[in-house]
């Protein structure tokens, strides 16, 4: 079976981010909070404690897959919700985004 993530991971990540942007970002964050008990600020702090961020933004060497794996393992978040946190940490979206 063809996996678009393997053939072009950057395009796949971009398309996932577009899907998140088109949906209500606030709804994603609220669902994540309900599932994990952590809001956006808490995930920012957790990412910093894990060494994923510097000065409030994701370090350039930290890729989306790293964040997805962390959130799946520690919080059982799916790909879409993990990508919402990735967008938050990357600075693409923020707590006030639609």
PDB file of N, CA and C in Angstrom:
ATOM      1  N   UNK A   1       0.841  -1.181   0.000  1.00  0.00           N
ATOM      2  CA  UNK A   1       0.000   0.000   0.000  1.00  0.00           C
ATOM      3  C   UNK A   1       0.888   1.247   0.000  1.00  0.00           C
ATOM      4  N   UNK A   2       0.548   2.217  -0.801  1.00  0.00           N
ATOM      5  CA  UNK A   2       1.327   3.449  -0.920  1.00  0.00           C
ATOM      6  C   UNK A   2       1.096   4.339   0.295  1.00  0.00           C
ATOM      7  N   UNK A   3       2.171   4.797   0.885  1.00  0.00           N
ATOM      8  CA  UNK A   3       2.104   5.684   2.035  1.00  0.00           C
ATOM      9  C   UNK A   3       2.692   7.034   1.621  1.00  0.00           C
ATOM     10  N   UNK A   4       1.848   8.083   1.499  1.00  0.00           N
ATOM     11  CA  UNK A   4       2.352   9.390   1.052  1.00  0.00           C
ATOM     12  C   UNK A   4       3.374   9.980   2.006  1.00  0.00           C
ATOM     13  N   UNK A   5       3.313   9.607   3.270  1.00  0.00           N
ATOM     14  CA  UNK A   5       4.267  10.137   4.238  1.00  0.00           C
ATOM     15  C   UNK A   5       5.674   9.646   3.925  1.00  0.00           C
ATOM     16  N   UNK A   6       5.805   8.402   3.430  1.00  0.00           N
ATOM     17  CA  UNK A   6       7.119   7.863   3.117  1.00  0.00           C
ATOM     18  C   UNK A   6       7.674   8.440   1.827  1.00  0.00           C
ATOM     19  N   UNK A   7       6.829   8.652   0.818  1.00  0.00           N
ATOM     20  CA  UNK A   7       7.319   9.126  -0.471  1.00  0.00           C
ATOM     21  C   UNK A   7       7.698  10.608  -0.453  1.00  0.00           C
ATOM     22  N   UNK A   8       6.987  11.422   0.284  1.00  0.00           N
ATOM     23  CA  UNK A   8       7.287  12.843   0.367  1.00  0.00           C
ATOM     24  C   UNK A   8       6.836  13.365   1.734  1.00  0.00           C
ATOM     25  N   UNK A   9       7.666  13.153   2.767  1.00  0.00           N
ATOM     26  CA  UNK A   9       7.235  13.523   4.120  1.00  0.00           C
ATOM     27  C   UNK A   9       6.953  15.005   4.296  1.00  0.00           C
ATOM     28  N   UNK A  10       7.688  15.874   3.614  1.00  0.00           N
ATOM     29  CA  UNK A  10       7.432  17.314   3.760  1.00  0.00           C
ATOM     30  C   UNK A  10       6.072  17.698   3.204  1.00  0.00           C
ATOM     31  N   UNK A  11       5.712  17.143   2.053  1.00  0.00           N
ATOM     32  CA  UNK A  11       4.401  17.431   1.474  1.00  0.00           C
ATOM     33  C   UNK A  11       3.301  16.881   2.367  1.00  0.00           C
ATOM     34  N   UNK A  12       3.513  15.691   2.907  1.00  0.00           N
ATOM     35  CA  UNK A  12       2.523  15.083   3.792  1.00  0.00           C
ATOM     36  C   UNK A  12       2.300  15.950   5.030  1.00  0.00           C
ATOM     37  N   UNK A  13       3.384  16.415   5.643  1.00  0.00           N
ATOM     38  CA  UNK A  13       3.282  17.276   6.823  1.00  0.00           C
ATOM     39  C   UNK A  13       2.568  18.573   6.461  1.00  0.00           C
ATOM     40  N   UNK A  14       2.920  19.153   5.329  1.00  0.00           N
ATOM     41  CA  UNK A  14       2.279  20.388   4.874  1.00  0.00           C
ATOM     42  C   UNK A  14       0.772  20.189   4.718  1.00  0.00           C
ATOM     43  N   UNK A  15       0.369  19.093   4.081  1.00  0.00           N
ATOM     44  CA  UNK A  15      -1.059  18.832   3.872  1.00  0.00           C
ATOM     45  C   UNK A  15      -1.778  18.625   5.199  1.00  0.00           C
ATOM     46  N   UNK A  16      -1.122  17.963   6.156  1.00  0.00           N
ATOM     47  CA  UNK A  16      -1.728  17.786   7.469  1.00  0.00           C
ATOM     48  C   UNK A  16      -1.902  19.132   8.164  1.00  0.00           C
ATOM     49  N   UNK A  17      -0.911  19.999   8.040  1.00  0.00           N
ATOM     50  CA  UNK A  17      -1.012  21.324   8.658  1.00  0.00           C
ATOM     51  C   UNK A  17      -2.129  22.144   8.020  1.00  0.00           C
ATOM     52  N   UNK A  18      -2.298  22.030   6.713  1.00  0.00           N
ATOM     53  CA  UNK A  18      -3.401  22.723   6.029  1.00  0.00           C
ATOM     54  C   UNK A  18      -4.738  22.208   6.550  1.00  0.00           C
ATOM     55  N   UNK A  19      -4.867  20.903   6.756  1.00  0.00           N
ATOM     56  CA  UNK A  19      -6.103  20.345   7.312  1.00  0.00           C
ATOM     57  C   UNK A  19      -6.390  20.935   8.684  1.00  0.00           C
ATOM     58  N   UNK A  20      -5.369  21.053   9.513  1.00  0.00           N
ATOM     59  CA  UNK A  20      -5.544  21.618  10.844  1.00  0.00           C
ATOM     60  C   UNK A  20      -5.960  23.084  10.753  1.00  0.00           C
ATOM     61  N   UNK A  21      -5.310  23.821   9.873  1.00  0.00           N
ATOM     62  CA  UNK A  21      -5.605  25.239   9.715  1.00  0.00           C
ATOM     63  C   UNK A  21      -7.048  25.443   9.264  1.00  0.00           C
ATOM     64  N   UNK A  22      -7.549  24.560   8.397  1.00  0.00           N
ATOM     65  CA  UNK A  22      -8.905  24.692   7.889  1.00  0.00           C
ATOM     66  C   UNK A  22      -9.952  24.341   8.932  1.00  0.00           C
ATOM     67  N   UNK A  23      -9.597  23.579   9.921  1.00  0.00           N
ATOM     68  CA  UNK A  23     -10.525  23.253  11.001  1.00  0.00           C
ATOM     69  C   UNK A  23     -10.337  24.293  12.097  1.00  0.00           C
ATOM     70  N   UNK A  24     -11.240  24.324  13.042  1.00  0.00           N
ATOM     71  CA  UNK A  24     -11.113  25.243  14.157  1.00  0.00           C
ATOM     72  C   UNK A  24      -9.949  24.815  15.043  1.00  0.00           C
ATOM     73  N   UNK A  25      -8.924  25.624  15.074  1.00  0.00           N
ATOM     74  CA  UNK A  25      -7.763  25.307  15.888  1.00  0.00           C
ATOM     75  C   UNK A  25      -8.148  25.272  17.365  1.00  0.00           C
ATOM     76  N   UNK A  26      -9.044  26.169  17.747  1.00  0.00           N
ATOM     77  CA  UNK A  26      -9.508  26.181  19.139  1.00  0.00           C
ATOM     78  C   UNK A  26     -10.190  24.866  19.509  1.00  0.00           C
ATOM     79  N   UNK A  27     -10.937  24.285  18.577  1.00  0.00           N
ATOM     80  CA  UNK A  27     -11.586  22.990  18.836  1.00  0.00           C
ATOM     81  C   UNK A  27     -10.541  21.897  19.041  1.00  0.00           C
ATOM     82  N   UNK A  28      -9.481  21.921  18.228  1.00  0.00           N
ATOM     83  CA  UNK A  28      -8.384  20.960  18.416  1.00  0.00           C
ATOM     84  C   UNK A  28      -7.789  21.105  19.811  1.00  0.00           C
ATOM     85  N   UNK A  29      -7.460  22.331  20.194  1.00  0.00           N
ATOM     86  CA  UNK A  29      -6.840  22.551  21.496  1.00  0.00           C
ATOM     87  C   UNK A  29      -7.762  22.149  22.638  1.00  0.00           C
ATOM     88  N   UNK A  30      -9.036  22.421  22.495  1.00  0.00           N
ATOM     89  CA  UNK A  30      -9.996  22.052  23.542  1.00  0.00           C
ATOM     90  C   UNK A  30     -10.109  20.530  23.656  1.00  0.00           C
ATOM     91  N   UNK A  31     -10.167  19.834  22.530  1.00  0.00           N
ATOM     92  CA  UNK A  31     -10.226  18.370  22.561  1.00  0.00           C
ATOM     93  C   UNK A  31      -8.964  17.779  23.176  1.00  0.00           C
ATOM     94  N   UNK A  32      -7.832  18.366  22.863  1.00  0.00           N
ATOM     95  CA  UNK A  32      -6.567  17.912  23.445  1.00  0.00           C
ATOM     96  C   UNK A  32      -6.575  18.130  24.957  1.00  0.00           C
ATOM     97  N   UNK A  33      -7.063  19.290  25.385  1.00  0.00           N
ATOM     98  CA  UNK A  33      -7.132  19.581  26.821  1.00  0.00           C
ATOM     99  C   UNK A  33      -8.044  18.594  27.539  1.00  0.00           C
ATOM    100  N   UNK A  34      -9.191  18.304  26.926  1.00  0.00           N
ATOM    101  CA  UNK A  34     -10.126  17.362  27.538  1.00  0.00           C
ATOM    102  C   UNK A  34      -9.537  15.956  27.635  1.00  0.00           C
ATOM    103  N   UNK A  35      -8.789  15.564  26.635  1.00  0.00           N
ATOM    104  CA  UNK A  35      -8.211  14.213  26.613  1.00  0.00           C
ATOM    105  C   UNK A  35      -7.018  14.083  27.552  1.00  0.00           C
ATOM    106  N   UNK A  36      -6.181  15.127  27.625  1.00  0.00           N
ATOM    107  CA  UNK A  36      -4.918  15.009  28.351  1.00  0.00           C
ATOM    108  C   UNK A  36      -4.880  15.767  29.676  1.00  0.00           C
ATOM    109  N   UNK A  37      -5.767  16.744  29.821  1.00  0.00           N
ATOM    110  CA  UNK A  37      -5.714  17.608  30.996  1.00  0.00           C
ATOM    111  C   UNK A  37      -4.709  18.748  30.849  1.00  0.00           C
ATOM    112  N   UNK A  38      -4.059  18.826  29.687  1.00  0.00           N
ATOM    113  CA  UNK A  38      -3.057  19.865  29.436  1.00  0.00           C
ATOM    114  C   UNK A  38      -3.546  20.851  28.386  1.00  0.00           C
ATOM    115  N   UNK A  39      -3.411  22.137  28.692  1.00  0.00           N
ATOM    116  CA  UNK A  39      -3.739  23.157  27.707  1.00  0.00           C
ATOM    117  C   UNK A  39      -2.493  23.507  26.897  1.00  0.00           C
ATOM    118  N   UNK A  40      -2.617  24.467  26.022  1.00  0.00           N
ATOM    119  CA  UNK A  40      -1.502  24.850  25.147  1.00  0.00           C
ATOM    120  C   UNK A  40      -0.285  25.289  25.956  1.00  0.00           C
ATOM    121  N   UNK A  41      -0.506  26.079  26.997  1.00  0.00           N
ATOM    122  CA  UNK A  41       0.608  26.547  27.825  1.00  0.00           C
ATOM    123  C   UNK A  41       1.332  25.373  28.480  1.00  0.00           C
ATOM    124  N   UNK A  42       0.573  24.387  28.925  1.00  0.00           N
ATOM    125  CA  UNK A  42       1.189  23.208  29.544  1.00  0.00           C
ATOM    126  C   UNK A  42       2.040  22.444  28.537  1.00  0.00           C
ATOM    127  N   UNK A  43       1.545  22.301  27.302  1.00  0.00           N
ATOM    128  CA  UNK A  43       2.334  21.608  26.286  1.00  0.00           C
ATOM    129  C   UNK A  43       3.582  22.398  25.906  1.00  0.00           C
ATOM    130  N   UNK A  44       3.492  23.709  25.917  1.00  0.00           N
ATOM    131  CA  UNK A  44       4.687  24.523  25.679  1.00  0.00           C
ATOM    132  C   UNK A  44       5.738  24.241  26.756  1.00  0.00           C
ATOM    133  N   UNK A  45       5.299  24.188  28.011  1.00  0.00           N
ATOM    134  CA  UNK A  45       6.208  23.920  29.121  1.00  0.00           C
ATOM    135  C   UNK A  45       6.770  22.501  29.034  1.00  0.00           C
ATOM    136  N   UNK A  46       5.928  21.534  28.742  1.00  0.00           N
ATOM    137  CA  UNK A  46       6.378  20.149  28.618  1.00  0.00           C
ATOM    138  C   UNK A  46       7.404  19.995  27.495  1.00  0.00           C
ATOM    139  N   UNK A  47       7.153  20.659  26.376  1.00  0.00           N
ATOM    140  CA  UNK A  47       8.095  20.590  25.250  1.00  0.00           C
ATOM    141  C   UNK A  47       9.434  21.210  25.633  1.00  0.00           C
ATOM    142  N   UNK A  48       9.385  22.286  26.399  1.00  0.00           N
ATOM    143  CA  UNK A  48      10.619  22.919  26.852  1.00  0.00           C
ATOM    144  C   UNK A  48      11.391  21.985  27.781  1.00  0.00           C
ATOM    145  N   UNK A  49      10.668  21.338  28.700  1.00  0.00           N
ATOM    146  CA  UNK A  49      11.299  20.402  29.631  1.00  0.00           C
ATOM    147  C   UNK A  49      11.932  19.217  28.904  1.00  0.00           C
ATOM    148  N   UNK A  50      11.327  18.811  27.774  1.00  0.00           N
ATOM    149  CA  UNK A  50      11.868  17.707  26.971  1.00  0.00           C
ATOM    150  C   UNK A  50      13.038  18.158  26.098  1.00  0.00           C
ATOM    151  N   UNK A  51      13.293  19.464  26.038  1.00  0.00           N
ATOM    152  CA  UNK A  51      14.378  19.982  25.225  1.00  0.00           C
ATOM    153  C   UNK A  51      14.008  20.176  23.764  1.00  0.00           C
ATOM    154  N   UNK A  52      12.711  20.208  23.467  1.00  0.00           N
ATOM    155  CA  UNK A  52      12.245  20.361  22.089  1.00  0.00           C
ATOM    156  C   UNK A  52      12.183  21.818  21.643  1.00  0.00           C
ATOM    157  N   UNK A  53      12.074  22.737  22.599  1.00  0.00           N
ATOM    158  CA  UNK A  53      11.910  24.149  22.251  1.00  0.00           C
ATOM    159  C   UNK A  53      13.026  24.987  22.862  1.00  0.00           C
ATOM    160  N   UNK A  54      13.182  26.164  22.275  1.00  0.00           N
ATOM    161  CA  UNK A  54      14.126  27.158  22.781  1.00  0.00           C
ATOM    162  C   UNK A  54      13.511  28.523  22.514  1.00  0.00           C
ATOM    163  N   UNK A  55      13.492  29.368  23.504  1.00  0.00           N
ATOM    164  CA  UNK A  55      12.872  30.699  23.387  1.00  0.00           C
ATOM    165  C   UNK A  55      11.422  30.611  22.923  1.00  0.00           C
ATOM    166  N   UNK A  56      10.732  29.575  23.368  1.00  0.00           N
ATOM    167  CA  UNK A  56       9.314  29.432  23.072  1.00  0.00           C
ATOM    168  C   UNK A  56       8.967  28.816  21.733  1.00  0.00           C
ATOM    169  N   UNK A  57       9.968  28.482  20.915  1.00  0.00           N
ATOM    170  CA  UNK A  57       9.696  27.881  19.604  1.00  0.00           C
ATOM    171  C   UNK A  57      10.460  26.577  19.439  1.00  0.00           C
ATOM    172  N   UNK A  58       9.926  25.735  18.599  1.00  0.00           N
ATOM    173  CA  UNK A  58      10.552  24.456  18.314  1.00  0.00           C
ATOM    174  C   UNK A  58      11.956  24.652  17.770  1.00  0.00           C
ATOM    175  N   UNK A  59      12.890  23.883  18.267  1.00  0.00           N
ATOM    176  CA  UNK A  59      14.258  23.927  17.745  1.00  0.00           C
ATOM    177  C   UNK A  59      14.248  23.419  16.306  1.00  0.00           C
ATOM    178  N   UNK A  60      15.069  23.983  15.444  1.00  0.00           N
ATOM    179  CA  UNK A  60      15.060  23.606  14.026  1.00  0.00           C
ATOM    180  C   UNK A  60      15.306  22.114  13.783  1.00  0.00           C
ATOM    181  N   UNK A  61      16.083  21.477  14.635  1.00  0.00           N
ATOM    182  CA  UNK A  61      16.393  20.069  14.419  1.00  0.00           C
ATOM    183  C   UNK A  61      15.285  19.116  14.879  1.00  0.00           C
ATOM    184  N   UNK A  62      14.276  19.638  15.556  1.00  0.00           N
ATOM    185  CA  UNK A  62      13.162  18.802  16.014  1.00  0.00           C
ATOM    186  C   UNK A  62      12.107  18.744  14.908  1.00  0.00           C
ATOM    187  N   UNK A  63      11.875  17.563  14.420  1.00  0.00           N
ATOM    188  CA  UNK A  63      10.938  17.360  13.306  1.00  0.00           C
ATOM    189  C   UNK A  63       9.555  16.975  13.820  1.00  0.00           C
ATOM    190  N   UNK A  64       8.583  17.080  12.957  1.00  0.00           N
ATOM    191  CA  UNK A  64       7.204  16.762  13.307  1.00  0.00           C
ATOM    192  C   UNK A  64       7.085  15.342  13.846  1.00  0.00           C
ATOM    193  N   UNK A  65       7.780  14.405  13.229  1.00  0.00           N
ATOM    194  CA  UNK A  65       7.705  13.008  13.665  1.00  0.00           C
ATOM    195  C   UNK A  65       8.120  12.816  15.114  1.00  0.00           C
ATOM    196  N   UNK A  66       9.077  13.596  15.567  1.00  0.00           N
ATOM    197  CA  UNK A  66       9.523  13.523  16.955  1.00  0.00           C
ATOM    198  C   UNK A  66       8.403  13.936  17.895  1.00  0.00           C
ATOM    199  N   UNK A  67       7.710  14.997  17.549  1.00  0.00           N
ATOM    200  CA  UNK A  67       6.602  15.492  18.377  1.00  0.00           C
ATOM    201  C   UNK A  67       5.442  14.498  18.339  1.00  0.00           C
ATOM    202  N   UNK A  68       5.129  13.973  17.164  1.00  0.00           N
ATOM    203  CA  UNK A  68       4.040  13.003  17.021  1.00  0.00           C
ATOM    204  C   UNK A  68       4.334  11.768  17.878  1.00  0.00           C
ATOM    205  N   UNK A  69       5.555  11.255  17.808  1.00  0.00           N
ATOM    206  CA  UNK A  69       5.925  10.070  18.602  1.00  0.00           C
ATOM    207  C   UNK A  69       5.810  10.350  20.101  1.00  0.00           C
ATOM    208  N   UNK A  70       6.306  11.498  20.539  1.00  0.00           N
ATOM    209  CA  UNK A  70       6.233  11.870  21.954  1.00  0.00           C
ATOM    210  C   UNK A  70       4.782  11.917  22.439  1.00  0.00           C
ATOM    211  N   UNK A  71       3.936  12.614  21.673  1.00  0.00           N
ATOM    212  CA  UNK A  71       2.547  12.795  22.105  1.00  0.00           C
ATOM    213  C   UNK A  71       1.752  11.499  22.031  1.00  0.00           C
ATOM    214  N   UNK A  72       2.069  10.640  21.089  1.00  0.00           N
ATOM    215  CA  UNK A  72       1.410   9.329  21.003  1.00  0.00           C
ATOM    216  C   UNK A  72       1.800   8.488  22.217  1.00  0.00           C
ATOM    217  N   UNK A  73       3.090   8.443  22.501  1.00  0.00           N
ATOM    218  CA  UNK A  73       3.604   7.609  23.594  1.00  0.00           C
ATOM    219  C   UNK A  73       3.123   8.099  24.959  1.00  0.00           C
ATOM    220  N   UNK A  74       3.259   9.381  25.210  1.00  0.00           N
ATOM    221  CA  UNK A  74       2.967   9.913  26.542  1.00  0.00           C
ATOM    222  C   UNK A  74       1.503  10.283  26.769  1.00  0.00           C
ATOM    223  N   UNK A  75       0.769  10.611  25.690  1.00  0.00           N
ATOM    224  CA  UNK A  75      -0.597  11.115  25.863  1.00  0.00           C
ATOM    225  C   UNK A  75      -1.631  10.415  24.988  1.00  0.00           C
ATOM    226  N   UNK A  76      -1.203   9.431  24.213  1.00  0.00           N
ATOM    227  CA  UNK A  76      -2.084   8.685  23.320  1.00  0.00           C
ATOM    228  C   UNK A  76      -2.843   9.614  22.362  1.00  0.00           C
ATOM    229  N   UNK A  77      -2.180  10.682  21.924  1.00  0.00           N
ATOM    230  CA  UNK A  77      -2.792  11.586  20.947  1.00  0.00           C
ATOM    231  C   UNK A  77      -2.590  11.031  19.547  1.00  0.00           C
ATOM    232  N   UNK A  78      -3.595  11.194  18.706  1.00  0.00           N
ATOM    233  CA  UNK A  78      -3.497  10.785  17.317  1.00  0.00           C
ATOM    234  C   UNK A  78      -2.706  11.779  16.498  1.00  0.00           C
ATOM    235  N   UNK A  79      -2.557  11.462  15.231  1.00  0.00           N
ATOM    236  CA  UNK A  79      -1.718  12.258  14.350  1.00  0.00           C
ATOM    237  C   UNK A  79      -2.224  13.700  14.212  1.00  0.00           C
ATOM    238  N   UNK A  80      -3.511  13.881  13.972  1.00  0.00           N
ATOM    239  CA  UNK A  80      -4.054  15.230  13.777  1.00  0.00           C
ATOM    240  C   UNK A  80      -3.882  16.114  14.997  1.00  0.00           C
ATOM    241  N   UNK A  81      -4.183  15.578  16.170  1.00  0.00           N
ATOM    242  CA  UNK A  81      -4.024  16.365  17.394  1.00  0.00           C
ATOM    243  C   UNK A  81      -2.555  16.645  17.679  1.00  0.00           C
ATOM    244  N   UNK A  82      -1.701  15.667  17.393  1.00  0.00           N
ATOM    245  CA  UNK A  82      -0.265  15.885  17.577  1.00  0.00           C
ATOM    246  C   UNK A  82       0.253  16.969  16.638  1.00  0.00           C
ATOM    247  N   UNK A  83      -0.266  16.978  15.413  1.00  0.00           N
ATOM    248  CA  UNK A  83       0.154  18.009  14.461  1.00  0.00           C
ATOM    249  C   UNK A  83      -0.342  19.390  14.883  1.00  0.00           C
ATOM    250  N   UNK A  84      -1.449  19.442  15.600  1.00  0.00           N
ATOM    251  CA  UNK A  84      -1.914  20.727  16.132  1.00  0.00           C
ATOM    252  C   UNK A  84      -0.914  21.249  17.164  1.00  0.00           C
ATOM    253  N   UNK A  85      -0.429  20.362  18.023  1.00  0.00           N
ATOM    254  CA  UNK A  85       0.581  20.771  19.001  1.00  0.00           C
ATOM    255  C   UNK A  85       1.878  21.139  18.289  1.00  0.00           C
ATOM    256  N   UNK A  86       2.233  20.397  17.253  1.00  0.00           N
ATOM    257  CA  UNK A  86       3.418  20.726  16.456  1.00  0.00           C
ATOM    258  C   UNK A  86       3.274  22.138  15.867  1.00  0.00           C
ATOM    259  N   UNK A  87       2.113  22.449  15.292  1.00  0.00           N
ATOM    260  CA  UNK A  87       1.880  23.780  14.715  1.00  0.00           C
ATOM    261  C   UNK A  87       2.002  24.855  15.788  1.00  0.00           C
ATOM    262  N   UNK A  88       1.528  24.562  16.975  1.00  0.00           N
ATOM    263  CA  UNK A  88       1.636  25.486  18.100  1.00  0.00           C
ATOM    264  C   UNK A  88       3.106  25.724  18.457  1.00  0.00           C
ATOM    265  N   UNK A  89       3.857  24.641  18.599  1.00  0.00           N
ATOM    266  CA  UNK A  89       5.263  24.747  18.995  1.00  0.00           C
ATOM    267  C   UNK A  89       6.119  25.364  17.898  1.00  0.00           C
ATOM    268  N   UNK A  90       5.750  25.122  16.651  1.00  0.00           N
ATOM    269  CA  UNK A  90       6.493  25.644  15.503  1.00  0.00           C
ATOM    270  C   UNK A  90       6.223  27.144  15.299  1.00  0.00           C
ATOM    271  N   UNK A  91       5.131  27.650  15.886  1.00  0.00           N
ATOM    272  CA  UNK A  91       4.792  29.056  15.732  1.00  0.00           C
ATOM    273  C   UNK A  91       3.882  29.326  14.552  1.00  0.00           C
ATOM    274  N   UNK A  92       3.378  28.256  13.929  1.00  0.00           N
ATOM    275  CA  UNK A  92       2.456  28.395  12.797  1.00  0.00           C
ATOM    276  C   UNK A  92       1.093  28.864  13.293  1.00  0.00           C
ATOM    277  N   UNK A  93       0.699  28.370  14.453  1.00  0.00           N
ATOM    278  CA  UNK A  93      -0.565  28.742  15.096  1.00  0.00           C
ATOM    279  C   UNK A  93      -0.260  29.113  16.540  1.00  0.00           C
ATOM    280  N   UNK A  94      -1.227  29.792  17.174  1.00  0.00           N
ATOM    281  CA  UNK A  94      -1.083  30.089  18.602  1.00  0.00           C
ATOM    282  C   UNK A  94      -2.409  29.867  19.303  1.00  0.00           C
ATOM    283  N   UNK A  95      -2.426  30.081  20.596  1.00  0.00           N
ATOM    284  CA  UNK A  95      -3.617  29.811  21.396  1.00  0.00           C
ATOM    285  C   UNK A  95      -4.826  30.619  20.954  1.00  0.00           C
ATOM    286  N   UNK A  96      -4.618  31.724  20.256  1.00  0.00           N
ATOM    287  CA  UNK A  96      -5.727  32.573  19.821  1.00  0.00           C
ATOM    288  C   UNK A  96      -6.123  32.374  18.361  1.00  0.00           C
ATOM    289  N   UNK A  97      -5.485  31.422  17.696  1.00  0.00           N
ATOM    290  CA  UNK A  97      -5.796  31.169  16.285  1.00  0.00           C
ATOM    291  C   UNK A  97      -7.169  30.516  16.140  1.00  0.00           C
ATOM    292  N   UNK A  98      -7.783  30.765  15.005  1.00  0.00           N
ATOM    293  CA  UNK A  98      -9.063  30.109  14.688  1.00  0.00           C
ATOM    294  C   UNK A  98      -8.830  28.736  14.147  1.00  0.00           C
TER     295      UNK A  98
END
